[in-house]
Structures are given as C-alpha cells and as structure tokens.
Amino acid sequence: MAAMAKELGLPGDGESGLKLIRRSMAHLIRQRLEAKEKPLDQLEVFLGHRVVGAVSELYAPFSPTYLGVVKREIESIVDELEKLAPGAFYRDLTAQGGNVVSLAQA
C-alpha cells in the first residue's frame, strides 16, 4: 500500500496516504457485502474491530480461512485496479527476475 500511496501522490501522514487506502478498501468491501446481503462480521474481524476468541474458540478455533468472503472481495477490487492500471501491484521487493506476471495476464 505504501507504493500505491506514493504513486498516487498521497501524503504519507495523518488521515491520508495508507489510512485513506485502508478506509477506501473497507468502504468498498462493505458496500459490496451489503449489496450481496452478506454479514459484515468478517469485515470487522479482518479490520481488527471484532475480537475473536469467545468460548466457541475452544471447540472451533479461529482460522483465517473463515474470512473467505472478504478475501474474495479484496481480490475482486485488486483485479479491477489491475485492469485500470496494469502492473499496479508489481513489487520490486518480491519480484524474481523475469518471473513476474501481471495479474491482468494471469
């Protein structure tokens, strides 16, 4: 997200930059979940706004795989962004030579 904020020219401090991207993603995901009449509890957990760990944890321990609905929405938004700006999610840090493939080409 830091590279995206830099590329977009967003200020790095305060209520913009990374916070703006995080809030925008949360807003888009909430809109999509509500439109599909999906519960928002996964989004709350994903954002760290809902504590996981009640008595049910003893019987069914929490797993990140339970966040599949939100994960799919994030992937959908990333795919849309990649179509609008090919290579937007290319990362020099993790790229390995010529093995990098744009998500739009995958």
PDB file of N, CA and C in Angstrom:
ATOM      1  N   MET A   1       0.809  -1.189   0.000  1.00  0.00           N
ATOM      2  CA  MET A   1       0.000   0.000   0.000  1.00  0.00           C
ATOM      3  C   MET A   1       0.857   1.259   0.000  1.00  0.00           C
ATOM      4  N   ALA A   2       2.024   1.188   0.587  1.00  0.00           N
ATOM      5  CA  ALA A   2       2.886   2.369   0.619  1.00  0.00           C
ATOM      6  C   ALA A   2       3.273   2.792  -0.790  1.00  0.00           C
ATOM      7  N   ALA A   3       3.574   1.812  -1.657  1.00  0.00           N
ATOM      8  CA  ALA A   3       3.938   2.122  -3.045  1.00  0.00           C
ATOM      9  C   ALA A   3       2.751   2.744  -3.772  1.00  0.00           C
ATOM     10  N   MET A   4       1.540   2.236  -3.507  1.00  0.00           N
ATOM     11  CA  MET A   4       0.345   2.782  -4.140  1.00  0.00           C
ATOM     12  C   MET A   4       0.132   4.229  -3.696  1.00  0.00           C
ATOM     13  N   ALA A   5       0.262   4.486  -2.405  1.00  0.00           N
ATOM     14  CA  ALA A   5       0.088   5.849  -1.891  1.00  0.00           C
ATOM     15  C   ALA A   5       1.108   6.789  -2.513  1.00  0.00           C
ATOM     16  N   LYS A   6       2.348   6.315  -2.657  1.00  0.00           N
ATOM     17  CA  LYS A   6       3.401   7.132  -3.252  1.00  0.00           C
ATOM     18  C   LYS A   6       3.090   7.405  -4.721  1.00  0.00           C
ATOM     19  N   GLU A   7       2.681   6.369  -5.453  1.00  0.00           N
ATOM     20  CA  GLU A   7       2.365   6.504  -6.874  1.00  0.00           C
ATOM     21  C   GLU A   7       1.199   7.462  -7.102  1.00  0.00           C
ATOM     22  N   LEU A   8       0.220   7.441  -6.209  1.00  0.00           N
ATOM     23  CA  LEU A   8      -0.943   8.317  -6.321  1.00  0.00           C
ATOM     24  C   LEU A   8      -0.659   9.728  -5.816  1.00  0.00           C
ATOM     25  N   GLY A   9       0.523   9.896  -5.192  1.00  0.00           N
ATOM     26  CA  GLY A   9       0.884  11.209  -4.677  1.00  0.00           C
ATOM     27  C   GLY A   9       0.145  11.589  -3.410  1.00  0.00           C
ATOM     28  N   LEU A  10      -0.283  10.579  -2.637  1.00  0.00           N
ATOM     29  CA  LEU A  10      -0.995  10.860  -1.395  1.00  0.00           C
ATOM     30  C   LEU A  10      -0.007  11.216  -0.289  1.00  0.00           C
ATOM     31  N   PRO A  11      -0.344  12.175   0.554  1.00  0.00           N
ATOM     32  CA  PRO A  11       0.537  12.498   1.682  1.00  0.00           C
ATOM     33  C   PRO A  11       0.711  11.275   2.578  1.00  0.00           C
ATOM     34  N   GLY A  12       1.846  11.159   3.197  1.00  0.00           N
ATOM     35  CA  GLY A  12       2.126   9.969   3.990  1.00  0.00           C
ATOM     36  C   GLY A  12       1.668  10.028   5.431  1.00  0.00           C
ATOM     37  N   ASP A  13       1.257  11.170   5.905  1.00  0.00           N
ATOM     38  CA  ASP A  13       0.901  11.301   7.316  1.00  0.00           C
ATOM     39  C   ASP A  13      -0.581  11.600   7.498  1.00  0.00           C
ATOM     40  N   GLY A  14      -1.025  11.452   8.723  1.00  0.00           N
ATOM     41  CA  GLY A  14      -2.384  11.855   9.081  1.00  0.00           C
ATOM     42  C   GLY A  14      -3.461  10.965   8.497  1.00  0.00           C
ATOM     43  N   GLU A  15      -4.538  11.584   8.038  1.00  0.00           N
ATOM     44  CA  GLU A  15      -5.721  10.865   7.593  1.00  0.00           C
ATOM     45  C   GLU A  15      -5.666  10.472   6.124  1.00  0.00           C
ATOM     46  N   SER A  16      -4.565  10.709   5.450  1.00  0.00           N
ATOM     47  CA  SER A  16      -4.474  10.335   4.045  1.00  0.00           C
ATOM     48  C   SER A  16      -3.396   9.274   3.880  1.00  0.00           C
ATOM     49  N   GLY A  17      -2.999   9.026   2.681  1.00  0.00           N
ATOM     50  CA  GLY A  17      -1.988   8.009   2.441  1.00  0.00           C
ATOM     51  C   GLY A  17      -2.519   6.627   2.728  1.00  0.00           C
ATOM     52  N   LEU A  18      -1.793   5.871   3.534  1.00  0.00           N
ATOM     53  CA  LEU A  18      -2.171   4.486   3.826  1.00  0.00           C
ATOM     54  C   LEU A  18      -3.531   4.384   4.499  1.00  0.00           C
ATOM     55  N   LYS A  19      -3.831   5.314   5.406  1.00  0.00           N
ATOM     56  CA  LYS A  19      -5.135   5.278   6.075  1.00  0.00           C
ATOM     57  C   LYS A  19      -6.260   5.485   5.069  1.00  0.00           C
ATOM     58  N   LEU A  20      -6.039   6.370   4.117  1.00  0.00           N
ATOM     59  CA  LEU A  20      -7.054   6.633   3.098  1.00  0.00           C
ATOM     60  C   LEU A  20      -7.306   5.386   2.251  1.00  0.00           C
ATOM     61  N   ILE A  21      -6.244   4.693   1.866  1.00  0.00           N
ATOM     62  CA  ILE A  21      -6.400   3.471   1.080  1.00  0.00           C
ATOM     63  C   ILE A  21      -7.120   2.420   1.899  1.00  0.00           C
ATOM     64  N   ARG A  22      -6.726   2.248   3.160  1.00  0.00           N
ATOM     65  CA  ARG A  22      -7.367   1.240   4.027  1.00  0.00           C
ATOM     66  C   ARG A  22      -8.858   1.537   4.201  1.00  0.00           C
ATOM     67  N   ARG A  23      -9.167   2.804   4.468  1.00  0.00           N
ATOM     68  CA  ARG A  23     -10.575   3.177   4.646  1.00  0.00           C
ATOM     69  C   ARG A  23     -11.363   3.024   3.349  1.00  0.00           C
ATOM     70  N   SER A  24     -10.758   3.367   2.243  1.00  0.00           N
ATOM     71  CA  SER A  24     -11.437   3.226   0.954  1.00  0.00           C
ATOM     72  C   SER A  24     -11.736   1.767   0.659  1.00  0.00           C
ATOM     73  N   MET A  25     -10.766   0.892   0.904  1.00  0.00           N
ATOM     74  CA  MET A  25     -10.984  -0.549   0.683  1.00  0.00           C
ATOM     75  C   MET A  25     -12.094  -1.056   1.599  1.00  0.00           C
ATOM     76  N   ALA A  26     -12.067  -0.671   2.855  1.00  0.00           N
ATOM     77  CA  ALA A  26     -13.096  -1.112   3.796  1.00  0.00           C
ATOM     78  C   ALA A  26     -14.471  -0.620   3.346  1.00  0.00           C
ATOM     79  N   HIS A  27     -14.529   0.621   2.861  1.00  0.00           N
ATOM     80  CA  HIS A  27     -15.796   1.183   2.391  1.00  0.00           C
ATOM     81  C   HIS A  27     -16.320   0.407   1.177  1.00  0.00           C
ATOM     82  N   LEU A  28     -15.445   0.147   0.203  1.00  0.00           N
ATOM     83  CA  LEU A  28     -15.849  -0.600  -0.991  1.00  0.00           C
ATOM     84  C   LEU A  28     -16.308  -2.011  -0.635  1.00  0.00           C
ATOM     85  N   ILE A  29     -15.576  -2.667   0.255  1.00  0.00           N
ATOM     86  CA  ILE A  29     -15.944  -4.029   0.650  1.00  0.00           C
ATOM     87  C   ILE A  29     -17.280  -4.027   1.364  1.00  0.00           C
ATOM     88  N   ARG A  30     -17.484  -3.073   2.260  1.00  0.00           N
ATOM     89  CA  ARG A  30     -18.772  -3.002   2.970  1.00  0.00           C
ATOM     90  C   ARG A  30     -19.925  -2.812   1.989  1.00  0.00           C
ATOM     91  N   GLN A  31     -19.756  -1.910   1.029  1.00  0.00           N
ATOM     92  CA  GLN A  31     -20.807  -1.690   0.024  1.00  0.00           C
ATOM     93  C   GLN A  31     -21.118  -2.983  -0.727  1.00  0.00           C
ATOM     94  N   ARG A  32     -20.085  -3.709  -1.109  1.00  0.00           N
ATOM     95  CA  ARG A  32     -20.279  -4.937  -1.875  1.00  0.00           C
ATOM     96  C   ARG A  32     -20.944  -6.025  -1.031  1.00  0.00           C
ATOM     97  N   LEU A  33     -20.534  -6.144   0.226  1.00  0.00           N
ATOM     98  CA  LEU A  33     -21.147  -7.149   1.097  1.00  0.00           C
ATOM     99  C   LEU A  33     -22.608  -6.818   1.346  1.00  0.00           C
ATOM    100  N   GLU A  34     -22.907  -5.544   1.585  1.00  0.00           N
ATOM    101  CA  GLU A  34     -24.297  -5.146   1.815  1.00  0.00           C
ATOM    102  C   GLU A  34     -25.146  -5.385   0.569  1.00  0.00           C
ATOM    103  N   ALA A  35     -24.601  -5.101  -0.614  1.00  0.00           N
ATOM    104  CA  ALA A  35     -25.334  -5.312  -1.854  1.00  0.00           C
ATOM    105  C   ALA A  35     -25.651  -6.795  -2.068  1.00  0.00           C
ATOM    106  N   LYS A  36     -24.776  -7.651  -1.572  1.00  0.00           N
ATOM    107  CA  LYS A  36     -24.978  -9.099  -1.703  1.00  0.00           C
ATOM    108  C   LYS A  36     -25.691  -9.680  -0.491  1.00  0.00           C
ATOM    109  N   GLU A  37     -26.096  -8.774   0.421  1.00  0.00           N
ATOM    110  CA  GLU A  37     -26.762  -9.169   1.666  1.00  0.00           C
ATOM    111  C   GLU A  37     -25.937 -10.183   2.468  1.00  0.00           C
ATOM    112  N   LYS A  38     -24.629  -9.931   2.512  1.00  0.00           N
ATOM    113  CA  LYS A  38     -23.707 -10.756   3.296  1.00  0.00           C
ATOM    114  C   LYS A  38     -23.469 -10.075   4.633  1.00  0.00           C
ATOM    115  N   PRO A  39     -23.271 -10.851   5.688  1.00  0.00           N
ATOM    116  CA  PRO A  39     -22.987 -10.240   7.002  1.00  0.00           C
ATOM    117  C   PRO A  39     -21.643  -9.519   6.994  1.00  0.00           C
ATOM    118  N   LEU A  40     -21.522  -8.531   7.867  1.00  0.00           N
ATOM    119  CA  LEU A  40     -20.309  -7.722   7.924  1.00  0.00           C
ATOM    120  C   LEU A  40     -19.307  -8.216   8.963  1.00  0.00           C
ATOM    121  N   ASP A  41     -19.613  -9.302   9.646  1.00  0.00           N
ATOM    122  CA  ASP A  41     -18.734  -9.750  10.729  1.00  0.00           C
ATOM    123  C   ASP A  41     -17.329 -10.088  10.238  1.00  0.00           C
ATOM    124  N   GLN A  42     -17.198 -10.667   9.034  1.00  0.00           N
ATOM    125  CA  GLN A  42     -15.864 -10.982   8.531  1.00  0.00           C
ATOM    126  C   GLN A  42     -15.047  -9.710   8.298  1.00  0.00           C
ATOM    127  N   LEU A  43     -15.700  -8.679   7.803  1.00  0.00           N
ATOM    128  CA  LEU A  43     -15.000  -7.414   7.585  1.00  0.00           C
ATOM    129  C   LEU A  43     -14.523  -6.841   8.909  1.00  0.00           C
ATOM    130  N   GLU A  44     -15.356  -6.924   9.929  1.00  0.00           N
ATOM    131  CA  GLU A  44     -14.972  -6.422  11.255  1.00  0.00           C
ATOM    132  C   GLU A  44     -13.763  -7.182  11.799  1.00  0.00           C
ATOM    133  N   VAL A  45     -13.741  -8.481  11.622  1.00  0.00           N
ATOM    134  CA  VAL A  45     -12.604  -9.288  12.077  1.00  0.00           C
ATOM    135  C   VAL A  45     -11.367  -8.930  11.265  1.00  0.00           C
ATOM    136  N   PHE A  46     -11.526  -8.812   9.948  1.00  0.00           N
ATOM    137  CA  PHE A  46     -10.412  -8.508   9.059  1.00  0.00           C
ATOM    138  C   PHE A  46      -9.749  -7.193   9.430  1.00  0.00           C
ATOM    139  N   LEU A  47     -10.566  -6.205   9.831  1.00  0.00           N
ATOM    140  CA  LEU A  47     -10.044  -4.894  10.193  1.00  0.00           C
ATOM    141  C   LEU A  47      -9.552  -4.825  11.634  1.00  0.00           C
ATOM    142  N   GLY A  48      -9.776  -5.894  12.393  1.00  0.00           N
ATOM    143  CA  GLY A  48      -9.372  -5.905  13.788  1.00  0.00           C
ATOM    144  C   GLY A  48     -10.352  -5.191  14.694  1.00  0.00           C
ATOM    145  N   HIS A  49     -11.584  -5.011  14.230  1.00  0.00           N
ATOM    146  CA  HIS A  49     -12.594  -4.308  15.012  1.00  0.00           C
ATOM    147  C   HIS A  49     -13.501  -5.254  15.784  1.00  0.00           C
ATOM    148  N   ARG A  50     -13.315  -6.533  15.608  1.00  0.00           N
ATOM    149  CA  ARG A  50     -14.104  -7.518  16.343  1.00  0.00           C
ATOM    150  C   ARG A  50     -13.129  -8.519  16.954  1.00  0.00           C
ATOM    151  N   VAL A  51     -13.244  -8.727  18.225  1.00  0.00           N
ATOM    152  CA  VAL A  51     -12.364  -9.658  18.925  1.00  0.00           C
ATOM    153  C   VAL A  51     -12.854 -11.078  18.677  1.00  0.00           C
ATOM    154  N   VAL A  52     -11.925 -11.920  18.259  1.00  0.00           N
ATOM    155  CA  VAL A  52     -12.241 -13.327  18.050  1.00  0.00           C
ATOM    156  C   VAL A  52     -11.639 -14.085  19.221  1.00  0.00           C
ATOM    157  N   GLY A  53     -12.414 -14.895  19.853  1.00  0.00           N
ATOM    158  CA  GLY A  53     -11.854 -15.657  20.958  1.00  0.00           C
ATOM    159  C   GLY A  53     -12.815 -15.866  22.096  1.00  0.00           C
ATOM    160  N   ALA A  54     -14.026 -16.188  21.816  1.00  0.00           N
ATOM    161  CA  ALA A  54     -15.005 -16.470  22.861  1.00  0.00           C
ATOM    162  C   ALA A  54     -14.933 -17.953  23.205  1.00  0.00           C
ATOM    163  N   VAL A  55     -15.914 -18.434  23.921  1.00  0.00           N
ATOM    164  CA  VAL A  55     -15.961 -19.842  24.319  1.00  0.00           C
ATOM    165  C   VAL A  55     -15.918 -20.755  23.099  1.00  0.00           C
ATOM    166  N   SER A  56     -16.509 -20.315  21.990  1.00  0.00           N
ATOM    167  CA  SER A  56     -16.525 -21.148  20.782  1.00  0.00           C
ATOM    168  C   SER A  56     -15.125 -21.472  20.285  1.00  0.00           C
ATOM    169  N   GLU A  57     -14.136 -20.655  20.656  1.00  0.00           N
ATOM    170  CA  GLU A  57     -12.753 -20.926  20.263  1.00  0.00           C
ATOM    171  C   GLU A  57     -12.265 -22.273  20.802  1.00  0.00           C
ATOM    172  N   LEU A  58     -12.800 -22.693  21.922  1.00  0.00           N
ATOM    173  CA  LEU A  58     -12.395 -23.981  22.491  1.00  0.00           C
ATOM    174  C   LEU A  58     -12.806 -25.137  21.586  1.00  0.00           C
ATOM    175  N   TYR A  59     -13.925 -24.974  20.900  1.00  0.00           N
ATOM    176  CA  TYR A  59     -14.471 -26.043  20.077  1.00  0.00           C
ATOM    177  C   TYR A  59     -14.146 -25.885  18.598  1.00  0.00           C
ATOM    178  N   ALA A  60     -14.094 -24.645  18.145  1.00  0.00           N
ATOM    179  CA  ALA A  60     -13.821 -24.363  16.736  1.00  0.00           C
ATOM    180  C   ALA A  60     -12.832 -23.202  16.664  1.00  0.00           C
ATOM    181  N   PRO A  61     -11.536 -23.495  16.782  1.00  0.00           N
ATOM    182  CA  PRO A  61     -10.533 -22.426  16.778  1.00  0.00           C
ATOM    183  C   PRO A  61     -10.619 -21.568  15.520  1.00  0.00           C
ATOM    184  N   PHE A  62     -10.378 -20.274  15.696  1.00  0.00           N
ATOM    185  CA  PHE A  62     -10.433 -19.343  14.576  1.00  0.00           C
ATOM    186  C   PHE A  62      -9.380 -19.694  13.540  1.00  0.00           C
ATOM    187  N   SER A  63      -9.727 -19.533  12.294  1.00  0.00           N
ATOM    188  CA  SER A  63      -8.804 -19.746  11.191  1.00  0.00           C
ATOM    189  C   SER A  63      -9.004 -18.622  10.180  1.00  0.00           C
ATOM    190  N   PRO A  64      -7.931 -18.113   9.587  1.00  0.00           N
ATOM    191  CA  PRO A  64      -8.084 -17.073   8.567  1.00  0.00           C
ATOM    192  C   PRO A  64      -8.939 -17.522   7.384  1.00  0.00           C
ATOM    193  N   THR A  65      -9.064 -18.816   7.179  1.00  0.00           N
ATOM    194  CA  THR A  65      -9.896 -19.287   6.071  1.00  0.00           C
ATOM    195  C   THR A  65     -11.352 -18.917   6.268  1.00  0.00           C
ATOM    196  N   TYR A  66     -11.733 -18.570   7.482  1.00  0.00           N
ATOM    197  CA  TYR A  66     -13.107 -18.157   7.741  1.00  0.00           C
ATOM    198  C   TYR A  66     -13.403 -16.782   7.140  1.00  0.00           C
ATOM    199  N   LEU A  67     -12.382 -16.098   6.684  1.00  0.00           N
ATOM    200  CA  LEU A  67     -12.542 -14.754   6.142  1.00  0.00           C
ATOM    201  C   LEU A  67     -12.640 -14.767   4.617  1.00  0.00           C
ATOM    202  N   GLY A  68     -13.067 -15.868   4.047  1.00  0.00           N
ATOM    203  CA  GLY A  68     -13.107 -16.041   2.601  1.00  0.00           C
ATOM    204  C   GLY A  68     -13.964 -15.039   1.857  1.00  0.00           C
ATOM    205  N   VAL A  69     -15.080 -14.625   2.439  1.00  0.00           N
ATOM    206  CA  VAL A  69     -15.959 -13.671   1.766  1.00  0.00           C
ATOM    207  C   VAL A  69     -15.230 -12.346   1.557  1.00  0.00           C
ATOM    208  N   VAL A  70     -14.575 -11.850   2.586  1.00  0.00           N
ATOM    209  CA  VAL A  70     -13.843 -10.581   2.480  1.00  0.00           C
ATOM    210  C   VAL A  70     -12.638 -10.746   1.558  1.00  0.00           C
ATOM    211  N   LYS A  71     -11.955 -11.863   1.664  1.00  0.00           N
ATOM    212  CA  LYS A  71     -10.787 -12.119   0.811  1.00  0.00           C
ATOM    213  C   LYS A  71     -11.186 -12.073  -0.658  1.00  0.00           C
ATOM    214  N   ARG A  72     -12.304 -12.673  -1.016  1.00  0.00           N
ATOM    215  CA  ARG A  72     -12.756 -12.657  -2.408  1.00  0.00           C
ATOM    216  C   ARG A  72     -13.068 -11.231  -2.871  1.00  0.00           C
ATOM    217  N   GLU A  73     -13.645 -10.423  -1.992  1.00  0.00           N
ATOM    218  CA  GLU A  73     -13.948  -9.032  -2.362  1.00  0.00           C
ATOM    219  C   GLU A  73     -12.662  -8.234  -2.563  1.00  0.00           C
ATOM    220  N   ILE A  74     -11.672  -8.457  -1.699  1.00  0.00           N
ATOM    221  CA  ILE A  74     -10.377  -7.781  -1.862  1.00  0.00           C
ATOM    222  C   ILE A  74      -9.756  -8.176  -3.193  1.00  0.00           C
ATOM    223  N   GLU A  75      -9.771  -9.467  -3.505  1.00  0.00           N
ATOM    224  CA  GLU A  75      -9.202  -9.938  -4.765  1.00  0.00           C
ATOM    225  C   GLU A  75      -9.932  -9.327  -5.959  1.00  0.00           C
ATOM    226  N   SER A  76     -11.236  -9.185  -5.858  1.00  0.00           N
ATOM    227  CA  SER A  76     -12.028  -8.584  -6.932  1.00  0.00           C
ATOM    228  C   SER A  76     -11.634  -7.135  -7.153  1.00  0.00           C
ATOM    229  N   ILE A  77     -11.459  -6.390  -6.058  1.00  0.00           N
ATOM    230  CA  ILE A  77     -11.068  -4.978  -6.165  1.00  0.00           C
ATOM    231  C   ILE A  77      -9.656  -4.869  -6.748  1.00  0.00           C
ATOM    232  N   VAL A  78      -8.753  -5.720  -6.308  1.00  0.00           N
ATOM    233  CA  VAL A  78      -7.387  -5.713  -6.836  1.00  0.00           C
ATOM    234  C   VAL A  78      -7.409  -6.025  -8.334  1.00  0.00           C
ATOM    235  N   ASP A  79      -8.219  -6.983  -8.757  1.00  0.00           N
ATOM    236  CA  ASP A  79      -8.334  -7.309 -10.183  1.00  0.00           C
ATOM    237  C   ASP A  79      -8.832  -6.105 -10.981  1.00  0.00           C
ATOM    238  N   GLU A  80      -9.815  -5.379 -10.435  1.00  0.00           N
ATOM    239  CA  GLU A  80     -10.336  -4.192 -11.110  1.00  0.00           C
ATOM    240  C   GLU A  80      -9.263  -3.105 -11.220  1.00  0.00           C
ATOM    241  N   LEU A  81      -8.519  -2.902 -10.131  1.00  0.00           N
ATOM    242  CA  LEU A  81      -7.450  -1.907 -10.153  1.00  0.00           C
ATOM    243  C   LEU A  81      -6.368  -2.295 -11.152  1.00  0.00           C
ATOM    244  N   GLU A  82      -6.049  -3.569 -11.208  1.00  0.00           N
ATOM    245  CA  GLU A  82      -5.015  -4.053 -12.124  1.00  0.00           C
ATOM    246  C   GLU A  82      -5.442  -3.845 -13.582  1.00  0.00           C
ATOM    247  N   LYS A  83      -6.739  -3.987 -13.864  1.00  0.00           N
ATOM    248  CA  LYS A  83      -7.228  -3.735 -15.226  1.00  0.00           C
ATOM    249  C   LYS A  83      -7.118  -2.253 -15.576  1.00  0.00           C
ATOM    250  N   LEU A  84      -7.397  -1.388 -14.601  1.00  0.00           N
ATOM    251  CA  LEU A  84      -7.328   0.051 -14.823  1.00  0.00           C
ATOM    252  C   LEU A  84      -5.892   0.559 -14.896  1.00  0.00           C
ATOM    253  N   ALA A  85      -4.996  -0.081 -14.138  1.00  0.00           N
ATOM    254  CA  ALA A  85      -3.594   0.333 -14.084  1.00  0.00           C
ATOM    255  C   ALA A  85      -2.720  -0.914 -14.084  1.00  0.00           C
ATOM    256  N   PRO A  86      -2.509  -1.514 -15.270  1.00  0.00           N
ATOM    257  CA  PRO A  86      -1.706  -2.747 -15.352  1.00  0.00           C
ATOM    258  C   PRO A  86      -0.347  -2.583 -14.671  1.00  0.00           C
ATOM    259  N   GLY A  87      -0.005  -3.564 -13.870  1.00  0.00           N
ATOM    260  CA  GLY A  87       1.266  -3.539 -13.153  1.00  0.00           C
ATOM    261  C   GLY A  87       1.224  -2.798 -11.835  1.00  0.00           C
ATOM    262  N   ALA A  88       0.031  -2.315 -11.438  1.00  0.00           N
ATOM    263  CA  ALA A  88      -0.080  -1.530 -10.207  1.00  0.00           C
ATOM    264  C   ALA A  88       0.363  -2.320  -8.978  1.00  0.00           C
ATOM    265  N   PHE A  89       0.275  -3.637  -9.046  1.00  0.00           N
ATOM    266  CA  PHE A  89       0.630  -4.450  -7.883  1.00  0.00           C
ATOM    267  C   PHE A  89       1.959  -5.168  -8.060  1.00  0.00           C
ATOM    268  N   TYR A  90       2.755  -4.710  -9.016  1.00  0.00           N
ATOM    269  CA  TYR A  90       4.104  -5.232  -9.190  1.00  0.00           C
ATOM    270  C   TYR A  90       4.951  -4.753  -8.025  1.00  0.00           C
ATOM    271  N   ARG A  91       5.703  -5.667  -7.428  1.00  0.00           N
ATOM    272  CA  ARG A  91       6.535  -5.293  -6.278  1.00  0.00           C
ATOM    273  C   ARG A  91       7.982  -5.652  -6.560  1.00  0.00           C
ATOM    274  N   ASP A  92       8.839  -4.641  -6.659  1.00  0.00           N
ATOM    275  CA  ASP A  92      10.264  -4.892  -6.849  1.00  0.00           C
ATOM    276  C   ASP A  92      10.822  -5.764  -5.740  1.00  0.00           C
ATOM    277  N   LEU A  93      10.307  -5.559  -4.528  1.00  0.00           N
ATOM    278  CA  LEU A  93      10.814  -6.246  -3.350  1.00  0.00           C
ATOM    279  C   LEU A  93      10.692  -7.767  -3.475  1.00  0.00           C
ATOM    280  N   THR A  94       9.598  -8.245  -4.049  1.00  0.00           N
ATOM    281  CA  THR A  94       9.377  -9.692  -4.120  1.00  0.00           C
ATOM    282  C   THR A  94       9.511 -10.255  -5.526  1.00  0.00           C
ATOM    283  N   ALA A  95       9.724  -9.399  -6.507  1.00  0.00           N
ATOM    284  CA  ALA A  95       9.865  -9.880  -7.889  1.00  0.00           C
ATOM    285  C   ALA A  95      11.164 -10.657  -8.040  1.00  0.00           C
ATOM    286  N   GLN A  96      11.097 -11.709  -8.839  1.00  0.00           N
ATOM    287  CA  GLN A  96      12.276 -12.550  -9.058  1.00  0.00           C
ATOM    288  C   GLN A  96      12.583 -12.595 -10.548  1.00  0.00           C
ATOM    289  N   GLY A  97      13.441 -11.712 -11.007  1.00  0.00           N
ATOM    290  CA  GLY A  97      13.851 -11.707 -12.418  1.00  0.00           C
ATOM    291  C   GLY A  97      12.679 -11.584 -13.359  1.00  0.00           C
ATOM    292  N   GLY A  98      12.669 -12.428 -14.391  1.00  0.00           N
ATOM    293  CA  GLY A  98      11.633 -12.395 -15.405  1.00  0.00           C
ATOM    294  C   GLY A  98      10.405 -13.207 -15.057  1.00  0.00           C
ATOM    295  N   ASN A  99      10.282 -13.643 -13.813  1.00  0.00           N
ATOM    296  CA  ASN A  99       9.161 -14.488 -13.411  1.00  0.00           C
ATOM    297  C   ASN A  99       7.919 -13.700 -13.017  1.00  0.00           C
ATOM    298  N   VAL A 100       7.962 -12.375 -13.152  1.00  0.00           N
ATOM    299  CA  VAL A 100       6.842 -11.553 -12.730  1.00  0.00           C
ATOM    300  C   VAL A 100       5.795 -11.505 -13.846  1.00  0.00           C
ATOM    301  N   VAL A 101       4.555 -11.824 -13.504  1.00  0.00           N
ATOM    302  CA  VAL A 101       3.458 -11.794 -14.466  1.00  0.00           C
ATOM    303  C   VAL A 101       2.376 -10.878 -13.913  1.00  0.00           C
ATOM    304  N   SER A 102       1.902  -9.967 -14.730  1.00  0.00           N
ATOM    305  CA  SER A 102       0.828  -9.068 -14.313  1.00  0.00           C
ATOM    306  C   SER A 102      -0.408  -9.882 -13.994  1.00  0.00           C
ATOM    307  N   LEU A 103      -1.158  -9.478 -12.964  1.00  0.00           N
ATOM    308  CA  LEU A 103      -2.390 -10.168 -12.618  1.00  0.00           C
ATOM    309  C   LEU A 103      -3.381 -10.146 -13.775  1.00  0.00           C
ATOM    310  N   ALA A 104      -3.318  -9.096 -14.593  1.00  0.00           N
ATOM    311  CA  ALA A 104      -4.233  -8.978 -15.729  1.00  0.00           C
ATOM    312  C   ALA A 104      -3.948 -10.050 -16.769  1.00  0.00           C
ATOM    313  N   GLN A 105      -2.713 -10.556 -16.810  1.00  0.00           N
ATOM    314  CA  GLN A 105      -2.330 -11.583 -17.786  1.00  0.00           C
ATOM    315  C   GLN A 105      -2.516 -12.989 -17.249  1.00  0.00           C
ATOM    316  N   ALA A 106      -2.676 -13.111 -15.949  1.00  0.00           N
ATOM    317  CA  ALA A 106      -2.740 -14.440 -15.325  1.00  0.00           C
ATOM    318  C   ALA A 106      -4.039 -15.146 -15.654  1.00  0.00           C
TER     319      ALA A 106
END
